[in-house]
């Protein structure tokens, strides 16, 4: 399976459909954009971000446009927003395994873990 992500909107109790996400490879303080995408109705990308043949050992970053998503949902956010973009930096050590990076998010909090 390679690398995948999934976002759940804990304020509304469902998938974060329509949230914009960016995937980067990282090396030290440097980040290189791999792709931008928008989450589907299930809060997932339409295709794996990487499959096992293209996933490489290394470090990555997923950046989620949390404030943009909640504003599009009609949520009145304070200015400045408490959360704007949430970036998750993570490492891939075993390319023969599936790395799933879920995000549970509200306008005021988030949690992540290595999913299955």
N, C-alpha and C. Protein backbone atom coordinates (compact mmCIF):
# COMPACT_ATOMS: atom_id res chain seq x y z
N UNK A 1 0.82 -1.21 0.00
CA UNK A 1 0.00 0.00 0.00
C UNK A 1 0.85 1.27 0.00
N UNK A 2 2.05 1.29 0.55
CA UNK A 2 2.88 2.48 0.51
C UNK A 2 2.50 3.50 1.55
N UNK A 3 2.05 4.70 1.11
CA UNK A 3 1.73 5.81 2.00
C UNK A 3 0.34 6.32 1.69
N UNK A 4 -0.45 6.52 2.74
CA UNK A 4 -1.80 7.07 2.58
C UNK A 4 -2.11 7.99 3.76
N UNK A 5 -3.19 8.77 3.62
CA UNK A 5 -3.65 9.65 4.70
C UNK A 5 -5.17 9.67 4.71
N UNK A 6 -5.70 10.14 5.83
CA UNK A 6 -7.13 10.20 6.05
C UNK A 6 -7.36 11.27 7.09
N UNK A 7 -8.35 12.15 6.90
CA UNK A 7 -8.62 13.20 7.87
C UNK A 7 -10.07 13.11 8.33
N UNK A 8 -10.24 13.12 9.64
CA UNK A 8 -11.57 13.14 10.24
C UNK A 8 -11.78 14.48 10.94
N UNK A 9 -12.91 15.10 10.66
CA UNK A 9 -13.32 16.37 11.25
C UNK A 9 -14.04 16.03 12.56
N UNK A 10 -13.37 16.26 13.70
CA UNK A 10 -13.96 15.88 14.99
C UNK A 10 -14.98 16.91 15.47
N UNK A 11 -15.02 18.10 14.86
CA UNK A 11 -16.04 19.08 15.21
C UNK A 11 -17.40 18.66 14.68
N UNK A 12 -17.41 18.16 13.45
CA UNK A 12 -18.67 17.78 12.80
C UNK A 12 -18.91 16.28 12.80
N UNK A 13 -17.93 15.49 13.22
CA UNK A 13 -18.12 14.05 13.32
C UNK A 13 -18.14 13.32 11.99
N UNK A 14 -17.26 13.69 11.07
CA UNK A 14 -17.23 13.00 9.77
C UNK A 14 -15.92 13.26 9.05
N UNK A 15 -15.81 12.76 7.83
CA UNK A 15 -14.60 12.97 7.04
C UNK A 15 -14.43 14.44 6.67
N UNK A 16 -13.19 14.87 6.51
CA UNK A 16 -12.88 16.25 6.14
C UNK A 16 -12.83 16.38 4.62
N UNK A 17 -13.96 16.12 3.98
CA UNK A 17 -14.05 16.19 2.51
C UNK A 17 -13.74 17.60 2.03
N UNK A 18 -12.88 17.71 1.03
CA UNK A 18 -12.54 18.99 0.45
C UNK A 18 -11.33 19.67 1.06
N UNK A 19 -10.72 19.09 2.09
CA UNK A 19 -9.53 19.71 2.68
C UNK A 19 -8.36 19.61 1.72
N UNK A 20 -7.62 20.70 1.58
CA UNK A 20 -6.42 20.73 0.75
C UNK A 20 -5.23 20.21 1.55
N UNK A 21 -4.40 19.42 0.89
CA UNK A 21 -3.24 18.79 1.54
C UNK A 21 -2.05 18.90 0.58
N UNK A 22 -0.86 19.03 1.16
CA UNK A 22 0.37 19.01 0.36
C UNK A 22 1.31 17.97 0.95
N UNK A 23 1.98 17.24 0.09
CA UNK A 23 2.97 16.23 0.47
C UNK A 23 4.34 16.70 0.05
N UNK A 24 5.31 16.61 0.97
CA UNK A 24 6.68 17.01 0.71
C UNK A 24 7.63 15.88 1.09
N UNK A 25 8.77 15.81 0.44
CA UNK A 25 9.90 15.07 0.97
C UNK A 25 10.74 16.09 1.72
N UNK A 26 11.41 15.65 2.78
CA UNK A 26 12.21 16.58 3.56
C UNK A 26 13.62 16.04 3.75
N UNK A 27 14.53 16.98 3.91
CA UNK A 27 15.91 16.63 4.23
C UNK A 27 16.44 17.79 5.06
N UNK A 28 16.60 17.54 6.36
CA UNK A 28 16.97 18.63 7.27
C UNK A 28 15.87 19.67 7.28
N UNK A 29 16.24 20.94 7.08
CA UNK A 29 15.26 22.02 7.06
C UNK A 29 14.66 22.26 5.67
N UNK A 30 15.10 21.49 4.69
CA UNK A 30 14.64 21.67 3.32
C UNK A 30 13.45 20.75 3.03
N UNK A 31 12.44 21.29 2.33
CA UNK A 31 11.27 20.51 1.94
C UNK A 31 11.03 20.70 0.45
N UNK A 32 10.73 19.60 -0.25
CA UNK A 32 10.45 19.63 -1.68
C UNK A 32 9.03 19.14 -1.91
N UNK A 33 8.22 19.98 -2.55
CA UNK A 33 6.83 19.62 -2.82
C UNK A 33 6.78 18.44 -3.78
N UNK A 34 6.01 17.42 -3.41
CA UNK A 34 5.78 16.26 -4.27
C UNK A 34 4.45 16.41 -5.00
N UNK A 35 3.40 16.76 -4.24
CA UNK A 35 2.09 16.93 -4.85
C UNK A 35 1.15 17.66 -3.91
N UNK A 36 0.15 18.29 -4.49
CA UNK A 36 -0.97 18.88 -3.76
C UNK A 36 -2.22 18.11 -4.19
N UNK A 37 -3.14 17.94 -3.26
CA UNK A 37 -4.38 17.24 -3.58
C UNK A 37 -5.48 17.67 -2.63
N UNK A 38 -6.69 17.32 -2.97
CA UNK A 38 -7.87 17.64 -2.15
C UNK A 38 -8.50 16.32 -1.74
N UNK A 39 -8.88 16.24 -0.47
CA UNK A 39 -9.46 15.00 0.05
C UNK A 39 -10.85 14.77 -0.52
N UNK A 40 -11.15 13.50 -0.80
CA UNK A 40 -12.45 13.13 -1.38
C UNK A 40 -13.54 13.08 -0.31
N UNK A 41 -14.72 12.61 -0.67
CA UNK A 41 -15.87 12.58 0.23
C UNK A 41 -15.63 11.73 1.48
N UNK A 42 -14.68 10.80 1.40
CA UNK A 42 -14.34 9.96 2.55
C UNK A 42 -13.17 10.53 3.35
N UNK A 43 -12.71 11.73 3.00
CA UNK A 43 -11.61 12.35 3.71
C UNK A 43 -10.25 11.75 3.38
N UNK A 44 -10.15 11.13 2.20
CA UNK A 44 -8.91 10.46 1.77
C UNK A 44 -8.49 10.99 0.40
N UNK A 45 -7.23 10.71 0.05
CA UNK A 45 -6.80 11.00 -1.33
C UNK A 45 -7.40 9.93 -2.23
N UNK A 46 -7.60 10.27 -3.49
CA UNK A 46 -8.21 9.31 -4.42
C UNK A 46 -7.29 8.14 -4.74
N UNK A 47 -6.00 8.34 -4.64
CA UNK A 47 -5.02 7.29 -4.90
C UNK A 47 -3.99 7.30 -3.78
N UNK A 48 -3.24 6.21 -3.59
CA UNK A 48 -2.17 6.24 -2.60
C UNK A 48 -1.17 7.36 -2.92
N UNK A 49 -0.61 7.96 -1.89
CA UNK A 49 0.37 9.02 -2.10
C UNK A 49 1.65 8.44 -2.70
N UNK A 50 2.01 7.26 -2.25
CA UNK A 50 3.09 6.46 -2.83
C UNK A 50 2.64 5.01 -2.74
N UNK A 51 3.00 4.19 -3.72
CA UNK A 51 2.81 2.75 -3.57
C UNK A 51 4.14 2.17 -3.08
N UNK A 52 4.16 0.88 -2.78
CA UNK A 52 5.37 0.26 -2.23
C UNK A 52 6.55 0.31 -3.20
N UNK A 53 6.28 0.41 -4.50
CA UNK A 53 7.37 0.47 -5.48
C UNK A 53 8.03 1.85 -5.54
N UNK A 54 7.28 2.90 -5.20
CA UNK A 54 7.84 4.25 -5.31
C UNK A 54 8.18 4.89 -3.96
N UNK A 55 7.67 4.33 -2.86
CA UNK A 55 7.99 4.85 -1.53
C UNK A 55 9.45 4.58 -1.21
N UNK A 56 10.15 5.57 -0.68
CA UNK A 56 11.56 5.45 -0.34
C UNK A 56 11.78 5.70 1.15
N UNK A 57 12.81 5.07 1.71
CA UNK A 57 13.22 5.37 3.08
C UNK A 57 13.57 6.84 3.13
N UNK A 58 13.09 7.53 4.15
CA UNK A 58 13.39 8.94 4.29
C UNK A 58 12.37 9.66 5.13
N UNK A 59 12.41 10.98 5.06
CA UNK A 59 11.50 11.79 5.86
C UNK A 59 10.56 12.57 4.95
N UNK A 60 9.35 12.78 5.45
CA UNK A 60 8.26 13.36 4.68
C UNK A 60 7.50 14.35 5.54
N UNK A 61 6.69 15.17 4.88
CA UNK A 61 5.81 16.12 5.56
C UNK A 61 4.48 16.15 4.84
N UNK A 62 3.41 16.06 5.61
CA UNK A 62 2.07 16.31 5.11
C UNK A 62 1.60 17.61 5.74
N UNK A 63 1.10 18.55 4.91
CA UNK A 63 0.59 19.82 5.42
C UNK A 63 -0.88 19.93 5.06
N UNK A 64 -1.72 20.08 6.08
CA UNK A 64 -3.17 20.09 5.95
C UNK A 64 -3.68 21.52 6.15
N UNK A 65 -4.50 22.02 5.25
CA UNK A 65 -5.06 23.38 5.35
C UNK A 65 -6.31 23.34 6.23
N UNK A 66 -6.07 23.31 7.52
CA UNK A 66 -7.15 23.17 8.51
C UNK A 66 -8.06 24.40 8.52
N UNK A 67 -7.48 25.60 8.62
CA UNK A 67 -8.31 26.81 8.68
C UNK A 67 -9.12 26.99 7.40
N UNK A 68 -8.49 26.75 6.25
CA UNK A 68 -9.22 26.87 4.99
C UNK A 68 -10.40 25.93 4.91
N UNK A 69 -10.20 24.70 5.41
CA UNK A 69 -11.28 23.71 5.41
C UNK A 69 -12.44 24.18 6.30
N UNK A 70 -12.14 24.57 7.55
CA UNK A 70 -13.22 24.96 8.46
C UNK A 70 -13.92 26.24 8.00
N UNK A 71 -13.18 27.18 7.43
CA UNK A 71 -13.82 28.38 6.88
C UNK A 71 -14.77 28.01 5.75
N UNK A 72 -14.35 27.07 4.89
CA UNK A 72 -15.22 26.62 3.79
C UNK A 72 -16.47 25.92 4.31
N UNK A 73 -16.38 25.35 5.51
CA UNK A 73 -17.54 24.70 6.14
C UNK A 73 -18.44 25.71 6.84
N UNK A 74 -18.06 26.98 6.83
CA UNK A 74 -18.89 28.00 7.46
C UNK A 74 -18.60 28.23 8.93
N UNK A 75 -17.51 27.68 9.44
CA UNK A 75 -17.17 27.86 10.85
C UNK A 75 -16.54 29.24 11.01
N UNK A 76 -17.06 30.04 11.95
CA UNK A 76 -16.49 31.35 12.22
C UNK A 76 -15.27 31.15 13.11
N UNK A 77 -14.11 31.48 12.57
CA UNK A 77 -12.85 31.30 13.29
C UNK A 77 -12.33 32.65 13.77
N UNK A 78 -11.63 32.66 14.91
CA UNK A 78 -11.03 33.92 15.37
C UNK A 78 -9.88 34.32 14.45
N UNK A 79 -9.54 35.60 14.45
CA UNK A 79 -8.38 36.08 13.68
C UNK A 79 -7.33 36.55 14.66
N UNK A 80 -6.14 36.07 14.65
CA UNK A 80 -5.71 34.99 13.76
C UNK A 80 -6.28 33.65 14.21
N UNK A 81 -6.30 32.69 13.28
CA UNK A 81 -6.81 31.35 13.58
C UNK A 81 -5.92 30.69 14.62
N UNK A 82 -6.51 29.88 15.49
CA UNK A 82 -5.68 29.11 16.42
C UNK A 82 -4.84 28.11 15.65
N UNK A 83 -5.47 27.33 14.77
CA UNK A 83 -4.74 26.44 13.86
C UNK A 83 -4.96 26.94 12.44
N UNK A 84 -3.89 27.05 11.69
CA UNK A 84 -3.99 27.44 10.29
C UNK A 84 -3.70 26.21 9.44
N UNK A 85 -2.44 25.96 9.20
CA UNK A 85 -2.02 24.74 8.52
C UNK A 85 -1.34 23.85 9.54
N UNK A 86 -1.66 22.58 9.51
CA UNK A 86 -1.04 21.60 10.40
C UNK A 86 -0.07 20.78 9.56
N UNK A 87 1.20 20.79 9.97
CA UNK A 87 2.23 20.01 9.28
C UNK A 87 2.67 18.86 10.15
N UNK A 88 2.70 17.68 9.56
CA UNK A 88 3.15 16.48 10.26
C UNK A 88 4.41 15.98 9.57
N UNK A 89 5.51 15.96 10.30
CA UNK A 89 6.77 15.42 9.80
C UNK A 89 6.92 14.01 10.32
N UNK A 90 7.27 13.08 9.44
CA UNK A 90 7.38 11.68 9.84
C UNK A 90 8.43 10.99 8.99
N UNK A 91 8.89 9.85 9.47
CA UNK A 91 9.90 9.08 8.77
C UNK A 91 9.37 7.74 8.30
N UNK A 92 9.91 7.28 7.20
CA UNK A 92 9.60 5.96 6.65
C UNK A 92 10.89 5.15 6.70
N UNK A 93 10.86 4.07 7.47
CA UNK A 93 12.04 3.22 7.64
C UNK A 93 11.95 1.92 6.86
N UNK A 94 10.72 1.48 6.53
CA UNK A 94 10.52 0.17 5.90
C UNK A 94 9.57 0.32 4.72
N UNK A 95 10.09 0.31 3.52
CA UNK A 95 9.26 0.53 2.34
C UNK A 95 8.38 -0.66 1.98
N UNK A 96 8.58 -1.78 2.65
CA UNK A 96 7.71 -2.93 2.41
C UNK A 96 6.49 -2.92 3.33
N UNK A 97 6.35 -1.89 4.15
CA UNK A 97 5.20 -1.76 5.06
C UNK A 97 4.30 -0.63 4.60
N UNK A 98 3.07 -0.65 5.09
CA UNK A 98 2.12 0.43 4.79
C UNK A 98 2.24 1.50 5.86
N UNK A 99 2.40 2.74 5.43
CA UNK A 99 2.42 3.88 6.34
C UNK A 99 1.14 4.68 6.09
N UNK A 100 0.26 4.68 7.08
CA UNK A 100 -0.99 5.43 7.00
C UNK A 100 -0.90 6.53 8.04
N UNK A 101 -1.12 7.78 7.63
CA UNK A 101 -0.98 8.93 8.51
C UNK A 101 -2.35 9.62 8.64
N UNK A 102 -3.14 9.22 9.63
CA UNK A 102 -4.44 9.85 9.83
C UNK A 102 -4.31 11.12 10.67
N UNK A 103 -5.25 12.03 10.46
CA UNK A 103 -5.32 13.26 11.25
C UNK A 103 -6.75 13.41 11.73
N UNK A 104 -6.90 13.60 13.03
CA UNK A 104 -8.19 13.92 13.62
C UNK A 104 -8.08 15.38 14.02
N UNK A 105 -9.03 16.24 13.56
CA UNK A 105 -8.82 17.67 13.70
C UNK A 105 -10.12 18.43 13.96
N UNK A 106 -9.99 19.48 14.76
CA UNK A 106 -11.03 20.49 14.95
C UNK A 106 -10.33 21.84 14.78
N UNK A 107 -11.04 22.95 14.88
CA UNK A 107 -10.35 24.24 14.76
C UNK A 107 -9.37 24.52 15.91
N UNK A 108 -9.45 23.70 16.99
CA UNK A 108 -8.66 23.99 18.17
C UNK A 108 -7.74 22.85 18.60
N UNK A 109 -7.77 21.73 17.92
CA UNK A 109 -6.93 20.60 18.35
C UNK A 109 -6.73 19.62 17.21
N UNK A 110 -5.68 18.80 17.34
CA UNK A 110 -5.47 17.72 16.39
C UNK A 110 -4.69 16.59 17.06
N UNK A 111 -4.83 15.42 16.47
CA UNK A 111 -4.10 14.22 16.92
C UNK A 111 -3.79 13.40 15.70
N UNK A 112 -2.69 12.66 15.79
CA UNK A 112 -2.29 11.76 14.72
C UNK A 112 -1.66 10.53 15.32
N UNK A 113 -1.46 9.53 14.50
CA UNK A 113 -0.82 8.28 14.90
C UNK A 113 -0.46 7.53 13.62
N UNK A 114 0.34 6.49 13.76
CA UNK A 114 0.60 5.64 12.59
C UNK A 114 -0.53 4.63 12.50
N UNK A 115 -1.33 4.76 11.49
CA UNK A 115 -2.48 3.87 11.32
C UNK A 115 -2.11 2.62 10.54
N UNK A 116 -3.12 1.83 10.27
CA UNK A 116 -2.89 0.57 9.54
C UNK A 116 -3.50 0.63 8.17
